[in-house]
N, C-alpha and C. Protein backbone atom coordinates (compact mmCIF):
# COMPACT_ATOMS: atom_id res chain seq x y z
N MET A 1 -15.12 15.44 7.55
CA MET A 1 -14.76 14.53 6.37
C MET A 1 -13.37 14.04 6.59
N ARG A 2 -12.28 14.57 7.14
CA ARG A 2 -11.05 14.36 7.67
C ARG A 2 -11.16 13.15 8.28
N ASN A 3 -11.80 13.27 9.35
CA ASN A 3 -11.97 11.59 9.84
C ASN A 3 -12.57 10.42 9.23
N TYR A 4 -13.40 10.83 8.51
CA TYR A 4 -14.24 9.84 7.62
C TYR A 4 -13.00 9.34 6.45
N LEU A 5 -12.29 10.12 5.92
CA LEU A 5 -11.29 9.89 4.58
C LEU A 5 -10.04 8.81 5.37
N LEU A 6 -9.94 9.37 6.91
CA LEU A 6 -8.69 8.65 7.43
C LEU A 6 -8.93 7.37 7.73
N SER A 7 -10.32 7.53 8.47
CA SER A 7 -10.71 5.79 8.69
C SER A 7 -10.85 5.02 7.56
N ALA A 8 -11.27 5.56 6.29
CA ALA A 8 -11.28 4.78 5.26
C ALA A 8 -9.81 4.34 4.59
N ILE A 9 -8.62 5.26 4.83
CA ILE A 9 -7.52 4.92 4.75
C ILE A 9 -7.25 3.42 5.61
N ARG A 10 -7.47 3.47 6.39
CA ARG A 10 -6.79 2.82 7.49
C ARG A 10 -7.48 1.62 7.38
N ASN A 11 -8.88 1.38 6.87
CA ASN A 11 -9.72 0.52 7.02
C ASN A 11 -9.06 -0.38 5.77
N ARG A 12 -8.67 0.12 4.94
CA ARG A 12 -7.94 -0.30 3.24
C ARG A 12 -6.58 -0.72 3.68
N VAL A 13 -5.97 -0.01 4.63
CA VAL A 13 -4.80 -1.07 5.09
C VAL A 13 -4.82 -2.24 5.78
N LYS A 14 -5.76 -2.58 6.72
CA LYS A 14 -6.47 -3.29 7.38
C LYS A 14 -6.76 -4.83 6.32
N ASP A 15 -7.85 -4.29 5.36
CA ASP A 15 -8.15 -4.80 4.47
C ASP A 15 -6.79 -5.72 3.73
N GLU A 16 -6.14 -5.05 3.48
CA GLU A 16 -4.67 -5.57 2.64
C GLU A 16 -3.69 -6.32 3.68
N VAL A 17 -3.82 -6.24 4.96
CA VAL A 17 -3.46 -7.12 6.06
C VAL A 17 -4.12 -8.31 5.78
N ARG A 18 -5.36 -8.37 6.15
CA ARG A 18 -6.19 -9.76 5.92
C ARG A 18 -5.60 -10.63 4.81
N ARG A 19 -6.09 -9.58 3.50
CA ARG A 19 -5.49 -10.35 2.15
C ARG A 19 -4.09 -11.13 2.03
N ALA A 20 -3.40 -10.71 2.83
CA ALA A 20 -2.19 -10.80 2.86
C ALA A 20 -1.70 -12.24 3.72
N SER A 21 -2.88 -12.20 4.54
CA SER A 21 -2.79 -13.37 5.37
C SER A 21 -3.42 -14.43 5.15
N LYS A 22 -4.33 -14.25 4.07
CA LYS A 22 -4.99 -15.52 3.25
C LYS A 22 -4.11 -15.55 1.88
N GLY A 23 -3.09 -15.13 1.59
CA GLY A 23 -2.19 -15.51 0.65
C GLY A 23 -2.58 -14.91 -1.08
N GLU A 24 -4.10 -13.43 -0.72
CA GLU A 24 -4.34 -13.21 -1.86
C GLU A 24 -3.15 -12.29 -2.21
N VAL A 25 -3.17 -11.76 -3.52
CA VAL A 25 -1.93 -11.11 -4.36
C VAL A 25 -3.06 -9.77 -4.59
N ARG A 26 -2.54 -8.67 -4.81
CA ARG A 26 -3.08 -7.30 -5.07
C ARG A 26 -4.46 -7.75 -5.91
N ASN A 27 -4.42 -7.79 -6.60
CA ASN A 27 -5.22 -8.09 -8.05
C ASN A 27 -6.91 -8.85 -7.22
N GLY A 28 -6.48 -9.35 -5.81
CA GLY A 28 -7.84 -10.27 -5.40
C GLY A 28 -7.71 -11.60 -5.73
N ALA A 29 -6.90 -11.89 -6.43
CA ALA A 29 -7.02 -13.85 -6.75
C ALA A 29 -6.35 -14.08 -5.72
N ARG A 30 -6.20 -15.22 -5.28
CA ARG A 30 -6.06 -16.15 -4.53
C ARG A 30 -4.20 -16.23 -4.96
N ALA A 31 -3.43 -17.16 -4.32
CA ALA A 31 -2.26 -17.57 -4.30
C ALA A 31 -2.14 -18.53 -4.59
N ASP A 32 -2.99 -19.24 -4.76
CA ASP A 32 -3.47 -20.96 -5.15
C ASP A 32 -4.20 -20.71 -6.52
N GLN A 33 -4.37 -20.10 -7.13
CA GLN A 33 -5.41 -19.97 -8.42
C GLN A 33 -4.33 -19.35 -9.17
N VAL A 34 -4.38 -20.06 -10.55
CA VAL A 34 -3.55 -20.01 -11.90
C VAL A 34 -4.06 -19.18 -12.90
N ASP A 35 -3.46 -17.80 -13.23
CA ASP A 35 -4.20 -17.45 -14.64
C ASP A 35 -3.77 -18.37 -15.48
N PRO A 36 -4.62 -18.73 -16.51
CA PRO A 36 -4.14 -19.25 -17.75
C PRO A 36 -3.19 -18.47 -18.77
N GLY A 37 -3.37 -17.41 -18.52
CA GLY A 37 -2.49 -16.04 -19.28
C GLY A 37 -0.83 -15.83 -18.85
N SER A 38 -0.89 -16.64 -17.31
CA SER A 38 0.63 -16.59 -16.87
C SER A 38 1.54 -17.57 -17.06
N SER A 39 2.62 -17.67 -16.81
CA SER A 39 3.43 -18.69 -16.51
C SER A 39 3.37 -19.25 -14.87
N PRO A 40 3.77 -20.72 -14.18
CA PRO A 40 3.75 -20.35 -13.22
C PRO A 40 5.06 -19.65 -12.53
N LEU A 41 6.01 -19.45 -13.29
CA LEU A 41 6.61 -18.63 -12.70
C LEU A 41 6.80 -16.99 -12.52
N ASP A 42 5.45 -16.83 -13.11
CA ASP A 42 5.08 -15.49 -13.11
C ASP A 42 4.15 -15.20 -12.04
N GLU A 43 3.70 -15.89 -12.05
CA GLU A 43 2.58 -16.34 -10.71
C GLU A 43 3.25 -16.61 -9.40
N VAL A 44 4.31 -16.98 -9.45
CA VAL A 44 5.02 -16.99 -8.10
C VAL A 44 5.52 -15.87 -7.65
N ILE A 45 6.19 -15.37 -8.74
CA ILE A 45 6.80 -13.83 -8.76
C ILE A 45 5.98 -12.63 -8.04
N GLU A 46 5.05 -12.89 -8.74
CA GLU A 46 3.81 -12.15 -8.51
C GLU A 46 3.02 -12.18 -6.95
N THR A 47 3.47 -13.14 -6.62
CA THR A 47 2.90 -13.71 -4.95
C THR A 47 3.77 -12.99 -4.14
N GLU A 48 5.34 -13.69 -4.64
CA GLU A 48 6.21 -13.16 -3.70
C GLU A 48 6.55 -11.66 -3.48
N GLU A 49 6.23 -10.71 -4.42
CA GLU A 49 6.28 -9.75 -4.86
C GLU A 49 5.36 -9.06 -3.89
N ALA A 50 4.01 -9.58 -4.01
CA ALA A 50 2.93 -8.86 -3.58
C ALA A 50 3.08 -8.98 -1.72
N LEU A 51 3.54 -9.94 -1.56
CA LEU A 51 3.87 -10.44 0.41
C LEU A 51 4.88 -9.49 0.77
N ARG A 52 6.18 -9.73 0.11
CA ARG A 52 7.38 -8.86 0.43
C ARG A 52 6.52 -7.25 0.34
N TYR A 53 5.94 -6.64 -0.35
CA TYR A 53 5.34 -5.72 -0.37
C TYR A 53 4.77 -5.66 0.92
N ARG A 54 3.56 -6.25 0.90
CA ARG A 54 2.52 -6.51 2.16
C ARG A 54 3.17 -6.04 3.91
N ALA A 55 4.47 -7.27 3.48
CA ALA A 55 5.00 -7.29 4.72
C ALA A 55 5.86 -6.05 5.12
N ALA A 56 6.50 -5.18 4.12
CA ALA A 56 7.57 -4.17 4.07
C ALA A 56 6.09 -2.74 4.72
N LEU A 57 5.21 -3.07 3.86
CA LEU A 57 4.40 -2.09 3.84
C LEU A 57 3.87 -1.63 5.92
N LEU A 58 3.62 -3.34 6.35
CA LEU A 58 3.50 -3.15 8.02
C LEU A 58 4.55 -2.86 8.68
N SER A 59 6.02 -2.92 7.89
CA SER A 59 6.74 -2.83 8.97
C SER A 59 7.02 -1.00 8.92
N LEU A 60 6.43 -0.46 8.69
CA LEU A 60 6.33 0.94 8.54
C LEU A 60 5.60 1.68 9.67
N THR A 61 5.40 2.61 9.74
CA THR A 61 4.54 3.59 11.05
C THR A 61 3.48 3.49 10.43
N GLU A 62 2.44 3.85 11.17
CA GLU A 62 0.99 3.66 10.87
C GLU A 62 0.78 4.97 9.70
N ALA A 63 1.73 6.39 10.00
CA ALA A 63 1.35 7.27 9.24
C ALA A 63 2.07 7.25 7.94
N ASP A 64 3.16 6.50 7.80
CA ASP A 64 3.79 6.12 6.24
C ASP A 64 2.87 5.37 5.70
N ARG A 65 2.38 4.08 6.26
CA ARG A 65 1.32 2.78 5.91
C ARG A 65 -0.15 4.00 5.37
N ASP A 66 -0.77 4.83 6.19
CA ASP A 66 -1.82 5.90 5.98
C ASP A 66 -1.69 6.41 4.31
N LEU A 67 -0.07 7.55 4.18
CA LEU A 67 0.11 8.03 3.15
C LEU A 67 0.39 7.02 1.97
N LEU A 68 1.07 6.04 2.37
CA LEU A 68 0.98 5.53 0.62
C LEU A 68 -0.22 4.83 0.34
N VAL A 69 -0.99 4.06 0.85
CA VAL A 69 -2.24 3.22 0.69
C VAL A 69 -2.87 4.48 -0.05
N ALA A 70 -3.32 5.56 0.39
CA ALA A 70 -3.70 6.63 0.23
C ALA A 70 -3.42 6.80 -1.40
N ARG A 71 -1.92 7.29 -1.40
CA ARG A 71 -1.17 7.75 -2.60
C ARG A 71 -1.87 6.77 -3.56
N VAL A 72 -0.59 5.72 -3.31
CA VAL A 72 -0.42 4.37 -4.44
C VAL A 72 -1.75 3.44 -4.49
N GLU A 73 -2.65 3.48 -3.49
CA GLU A 73 -3.76 2.17 -3.70
C GLU A 73 -4.74 2.61 -4.24
N LEU A 74 -5.04 3.86 -3.53
CA LEU A 74 -6.43 4.80 -3.62
C LEU A 74 -6.59 6.02 -4.44
N GLY A 75 -5.15 6.46 -4.98
CA GLY A 75 -5.01 7.73 -6.23
C GLY A 75 -5.36 8.93 -5.80
N PHE A 76 -5.19 9.43 -4.38
CA PHE A 76 -5.32 10.71 -3.62
C PHE A 76 -4.21 11.47 -4.58
N ARG A 77 -4.84 12.74 -4.50
CA ARG A 77 -4.05 13.47 -5.36
C ARG A 77 -2.89 13.97 -3.77
N TYR A 78 -2.21 14.92 -3.82
CA TYR A 78 -1.45 15.69 -2.89
C TYR A 78 -1.81 16.44 -2.39
N GLU A 79 -2.61 17.36 -2.78
CA GLU A 79 -3.59 18.01 -2.03
C GLU A 79 -4.67 17.14 -1.17
N ASP A 80 -5.21 16.32 -1.43
CA ASP A 80 -6.15 15.50 -0.82
C ASP A 80 -5.35 14.80 0.63
N LEU A 81 -4.39 14.41 -0.23
CA LEU A 81 -3.35 13.90 1.09
C LEU A 81 -3.16 14.69 2.37
N ALA A 82 -2.95 16.00 1.87
CA ALA A 82 -2.45 17.42 2.67
C ALA A 82 -3.73 17.38 3.55
N ARG A 83 -4.50 17.76 3.05
CA ARG A 83 -6.06 18.00 3.86
C ARG A 83 -6.04 16.77 4.90
N VAL A 84 -6.16 15.87 4.48
CA VAL A 84 -6.84 14.71 5.15
C VAL A 84 -5.64 14.12 6.25
N LEU A 85 -4.54 14.09 6.00
CA LEU A 85 -3.52 13.44 6.82
C LEU A 85 -3.11 14.69 7.33
N GLY A 86 -3.35 15.96 7.12
CA GLY A 86 -2.71 16.88 8.22
C GLY A 86 -1.43 17.67 7.75
N HIS A 87 -0.92 17.62 6.55
CA HIS A 87 0.03 18.45 6.42
C HIS A 87 -0.01 19.58 5.73
N PRO A 88 0.59 20.53 6.06
CA PRO A 88 0.52 21.64 5.92
C PRO A 88 0.38 22.39 4.26
N SER A 89 1.16 21.49 3.46
CA SER A 89 0.80 22.03 2.18
C SER A 89 0.84 20.75 1.17
N ALA A 90 0.60 20.73 0.07
CA ALA A 90 0.86 19.47 -0.60
C ALA A 90 1.97 18.95 -1.16
N ALA A 91 2.98 20.51 -1.06
CA ALA A 91 4.44 20.07 -1.50
C ALA A 91 5.14 18.96 -0.10
N ALA A 92 4.47 19.44 1.00
CA ALA A 92 4.64 18.81 2.49
C ALA A 92 4.31 17.45 2.28
N ALA A 93 3.07 17.21 1.41
CA ALA A 93 2.75 15.54 1.54
C ALA A 93 3.08 15.24 0.25
N ARG A 94 3.75 15.62 -0.57
CA ARG A 94 4.42 14.99 -1.62
C ARG A 94 6.19 14.42 -1.16
N GLU A 95 6.77 15.31 -0.52
CA GLU A 95 7.60 15.11 0.36
C GLU A 95 7.77 13.93 1.43
N ALA A 96 6.61 13.77 1.91
CA ALA A 96 6.51 12.81 2.82
C ALA A 96 6.10 11.57 2.16
N ALA A 97 5.23 11.72 1.32
CA ALA A 97 5.54 10.42 0.42
C ALA A 97 6.56 10.13 -0.37
N ARG A 98 7.36 11.08 -0.87
CA ARG A 98 8.66 10.33 -1.51
C ARG A 98 9.23 9.67 -0.22
N ARG A 99 9.31 10.34 0.91
CA ARG A 99 10.34 9.66 1.90
C ARG A 99 9.67 8.33 2.45
N ALA A 100 8.52 8.28 2.74
CA ALA A 100 7.66 6.64 2.91
C ALA A 100 8.08 5.94 1.71
N GLY A 101 8.02 6.08 0.59
CA GLY A 101 8.49 5.44 -0.82
C GLY A 101 9.69 5.01 -0.71
N LEU A 102 10.78 5.88 0.32
CA LEU A 102 12.12 5.30 -0.06
C LEU A 102 11.89 4.46 1.24
N ARG A 103 11.26 4.57 2.53
CA ARG A 103 11.32 3.98 3.40
C ARG A 103 10.76 2.64 3.28
N LEU A 104 10.01 2.57 2.58
CA LEU A 104 8.99 1.12 2.04
C LEU A 104 10.20 0.31 0.91
N ALA A 105 10.76 1.06 0.14
CA ALA A 105 11.84 0.35 -0.71
C ALA A 105 13.13 -0.18 -0.27
N ARG A 106 13.47 0.65 0.90
CA ARG A 106 14.18 0.12 2.23
C ARG A 106 14.05 -1.35 2.45
N ALA A 107 12.64 -1.18 3.21
CA ALA A 107 11.86 -2.36 4.16
C ALA A 107 11.88 -3.49 3.00
N MET A 108 11.94 -3.50 1.87
CA MET A 108 11.63 -4.38 0.64
C MET A 108 12.98 -4.95 0.41
N GLY A 109 13.98 -4.24 0.77
CA GLY A 109 15.43 -4.78 0.44
C GLY A 109 15.64 -4.43 -1.07
N ALA A 110 15.54 -3.45 -1.45
CA ALA A 110 15.98 -2.38 -3.06
C ALA A 110 17.12 -1.64 -2.58
C-alpha cells in the first residue's frame, strides 16, 4: 500500500510538471484562456504565481516535493504522510512538512 501511494504522489508531481510546461494554471485552465469573471490582471497574476510555485517545487528535493504535494494538493493527513513517506510519527511528518513549506517559500522568494 505504501509503495502504491508513493507512486501516486510521484505521478501527481510529474503531472504538475507537465502542466506547467504547457502553461496551465492549477485549476486546469490553460494560461491563454480567459475566465470571463476575472480581469486580465488577475489572470496574469494567477498564471505567474502558479508558474513560480511549480518552479519552486521543482527546485526542492524529491522527498520535499512528495511531502508537499501529498499534504497540500492531495490533502493527506499527517498520520497518512507518516505511514506512506516513512516518518516515525505524525508529529515528525508535520515538522517535515513545515520545513518543506519554508524551503518552498524561500524558493519562491518570500
